[in-house]
Amino acid sequence: RAHALQRYFLAHTPEQGPARIVHGDYGLHNTLIGADGRIAAVVDWEISTLGDPLADLAYALNQWAEPGDPPPVRNVPPTSLPGFPTRQQMADRYAARTGRDLSKLDFYIGFNRWKSAAIVHGVYARYLEGKKSTVGVDLEGLKRGILLTLAQAEAAVERLERRA
């Protein structure tokens, strides 16, 4: 399943536009919010690079929870609380403010999900090999999270293919 996704992403990487600064870990967890409720600063830039800014948008949207989503594997993001826009509203705002074409956004959403599943699988494997203590670790929960994340990556690919 993961290898099929890897082959897909390698074969269907969108053509890159002009390179921009990409944060690499963009989301509410790396923002400082001012008293006015607006983002005052973005922190934690150590994995920033040049690339397609849609990668940052996809990463942020993948962490964005809204009513009706499956239960999160870890903490419930604050975006699930009333008053936050939906993922679609966020994407629409992004498109309106940047003028960027979002037709390939699902590529980045799927790729990010696949990458996240691969990272967590690496951690899971170290637990199974006895290289990390499993005290207090829900191994079945980790496995379920990996499978859920791969399913979300596949769903993004399916949306992308339907629009192709």
Protein backbone atom coordinates (compact mmCIF):
# COMPACT_ATOMS: atom_id res chain seq x y z
CA ARG A 1 0.00 0.00 0.00
CA ALA A 2 2.70 2.49 1.00
CA HIS A 3 4.91 1.38 -1.90
CA ALA A 4 2.06 1.85 -4.39
CA LEU A 5 1.59 5.40 -3.09
CA GLN A 6 5.32 6.04 -3.35
CA ARG A 7 5.30 4.94 -7.00
CA TYR A 8 2.29 7.16 -7.67
CA PHE A 9 3.89 10.26 -6.13
CA LEU A 10 7.15 9.70 -8.00
CA ALA A 11 5.31 9.31 -11.30
CA HIS A 12 2.88 12.21 -10.82
CA THR A 13 4.90 14.97 -9.17
CA PRO A 14 3.42 18.27 -10.39
CA GLU A 15 5.54 20.61 -12.43
CA GLN A 16 7.18 23.07 -10.10
CA GLY A 17 6.58 26.77 -10.41
CA PRO A 18 8.98 29.40 -9.14
CA ALA A 19 10.60 28.28 -5.89
CA ARG A 20 9.47 30.01 -2.73
CA ILE A 21 10.48 29.69 0.90
CA VAL A 22 8.67 26.70 2.38
CA HIS A 23 8.47 26.33 6.17
CA GLY A 24 8.28 22.53 6.17
CA ASP A 25 6.33 22.26 9.45
CA TYR A 26 3.72 24.98 9.05
CA GLY A 27 0.67 24.85 11.27
CA LEU A 28 -0.92 26.48 14.30
CA HIS A 29 1.57 24.65 16.54
CA ASN A 30 4.33 26.83 15.06
CA THR A 31 2.58 30.17 15.26
CA LEU A 32 2.37 32.82 17.94
CA ILE A 33 -1.06 34.41 18.14
CA GLY A 34 -1.37 38.06 19.11
CA ALA A 35 -3.95 39.57 21.45
CA ASP A 36 -6.01 40.49 18.37
CA GLY A 37 -6.31 36.79 17.43
CA ARG A 38 -4.10 37.15 14.36
CA ILE A 39 -0.86 35.33 13.67
CA ALA A 40 1.92 37.52 15.06
CA ALA A 41 4.86 35.23 14.20
CA VAL A 42 5.75 31.91 12.63
CA VAL A 43 8.47 30.00 14.50
CA ASP A 44 10.49 26.77 14.13
CA TRP A 45 12.11 27.31 10.73
CA GLU A 46 14.94 24.73 11.00
CA ILE A 47 13.59 22.52 8.18
CA SER A 48 12.66 25.38 5.85
CA THR A 49 13.75 25.11 2.24
CA LEU A 50 12.87 26.34 -1.24
CA GLY A 51 9.93 24.61 -2.90
CA ASP A 52 6.25 24.75 -3.71
CA PRO A 53 4.25 26.63 -1.06
CA LEU A 54 1.35 24.24 -1.63
CA ALA A 55 3.39 21.76 0.42
CA ASP A 56 3.03 24.05 3.46
CA LEU A 57 -0.67 24.61 2.81
CA ALA A 58 -1.23 20.84 2.55
CA TYR A 59 0.71 20.19 5.76
CA ALA A 60 -1.35 22.77 7.63
CA LEU A 61 -4.64 21.45 6.21
CA ASN A 62 -3.72 17.88 7.16
CA GLN A 63 -3.50 19.00 10.78
CA TRP A 64 -6.74 20.96 10.54
CA ALA A 65 -9.59 19.13 12.27
CA GLU A 66 -13.24 19.89 11.73
CA PRO A 67 -16.54 18.34 12.82
CA GLY A 68 -17.15 14.95 11.21
CA ASP A 69 -13.48 14.01 10.95
CA PRO A 70 -12.38 10.62 12.31
CA PRO A 71 -11.07 10.83 15.88
CA PRO A 72 -7.47 12.07 15.90
CA VAL A 73 -4.65 9.68 16.72
CA ARG A 74 -3.12 12.19 19.14
CA ASN A 75 -4.37 15.48 20.55
CA VAL A 76 -7.53 17.14 19.28
CA PRO A 77 -6.45 20.24 17.29
CA PRO A 78 -8.00 23.55 18.36
CA THR A 79 -9.38 23.96 14.83
CA SER A 80 -12.15 21.53 15.76
CA LEU A 81 -13.57 24.17 18.10
CA PRO A 82 -16.31 26.58 16.96
CA GLY A 83 -15.11 29.71 15.19
CA PHE A 84 -12.40 28.17 13.03
CA PRO A 85 -12.88 28.03 9.26
CA THR A 86 -13.09 24.67 7.50
CA ARG A 87 -10.21 23.25 5.45
CA GLN A 88 -12.07 24.24 2.28
CA GLN A 89 -12.54 27.79 3.54
CA MET A 90 -8.82 27.96 4.38
CA ALA A 91 -7.88 26.71 0.91
CA ASP A 92 -10.28 29.18 -0.70
CA ARG A 93 -8.77 32.05 1.32
CA TYR A 94 -5.28 30.94 0.34
CA ALA A 95 -6.22 30.84 -3.36
CA ALA A 96 -7.92 34.25 -3.17
CA ARG A 97 -4.95 35.90 -1.44
CA THR A 98 -2.17 34.29 -3.46
CA GLY A 99 -3.81 33.75 -6.83
CA ARG A 100 -2.30 30.26 -6.89
CA ASP A 101 -3.90 27.36 -8.74
CA LEU A 102 -4.94 24.73 -6.18
CA SER A 103 -5.85 22.02 -8.70
CA LYS A 104 -2.88 19.91 -7.55
CA LEU A 105 -3.34 20.55 -3.82
CA ASP A 106 -4.51 16.97 -3.28
CA PHE A 107 -1.13 15.75 -4.56
CA TYR A 108 0.55 17.57 -1.69
CA ILE A 109 -2.13 16.53 0.80
CA GLY A 110 -1.68 12.88 -0.19
CA PHE A 111 2.11 13.11 -0.29
CA ASN A 112 2.18 14.67 3.16
CA ARG A 113 -0.08 11.94 4.55
CA TRP A 114 2.11 9.26 2.96
CA LYS A 115 5.27 10.87 4.35
CA SER A 116 3.73 11.13 7.83
CA ALA A 117 2.73 7.45 7.73
CA ALA A 118 6.28 6.51 6.71
CA ILE A 119 7.80 8.49 9.58
CA VAL A 120 5.43 6.99 12.16
CA HIS A 121 6.03 3.53 10.69
CA GLY A 122 9.75 4.00 11.27
CA VAL A 123 9.08 4.80 14.93
CA TYR A 124 6.66 1.85 15.16
CA ALA A 125 9.32 -0.49 13.72
CA ARG A 126 11.86 0.66 16.32
CA TYR A 127 9.35 -0.16 19.06
CA LEU A 128 8.76 -3.63 17.61
CA GLU A 129 12.51 -4.26 17.30
CA GLY A 130 13.01 -3.35 20.96
CA LYS A 131 15.08 -0.28 20.12
CA LYS A 132 12.68 2.01 21.99
CA SER A 133 10.84 1.46 25.25
CA THR A 134 7.17 0.64 24.77
CA VAL A 135 6.21 1.65 28.31
CA GLY A 136 3.01 3.67 28.02
CA VAL A 137 2.95 3.32 24.22
CA ASP A 138 -0.22 2.16 22.46
CA LEU A 139 1.31 0.07 19.68
CA GLU A 140 -2.07 -0.89 18.25
CA GLY A 141 -3.05 2.78 18.24
CA LEU A 142 0.15 3.61 16.34
CA LYS A 143 -0.62 0.88 13.80
CA ARG A 144 -4.20 2.13 13.40
CA GLY A 145 -2.87 5.66 12.92
CA ILE A 146 -0.49 4.51 10.18
CA LEU A 147 -3.29 2.69 8.36
CA LEU A 148 -5.67 5.65 8.73
CA THR A 149 -3.04 8.05 7.40
CA LEU A 150 -2.35 5.80 4.40
CA ALA A 151 -6.10 5.63 3.72
CA GLN A 152 -6.23 9.44 3.83
CA ALA A 153 -3.33 9.59 1.35
CA GLU A 154 -5.18 7.19 -0.95
CA ALA A 155 -8.34 9.30 -0.69
CA ALA A 156 -6.38 12.40 -1.75
CA VAL A 157 -4.97 10.51 -4.75
CA GLU A 158 -8.47 9.34 -5.69
CA ARG A 159 -9.77 12.94 -5.59
CA LEU A 160 -6.85 14.06 -7.72
CA GLU A 161 -7.43 11.29 -10.26
CA ARG A 162 -11.16 12.03 -10.51
CA ARG A 163 -10.33 15.61 -11.48
CA ALA A 164 -7.66 14.57 -14.01
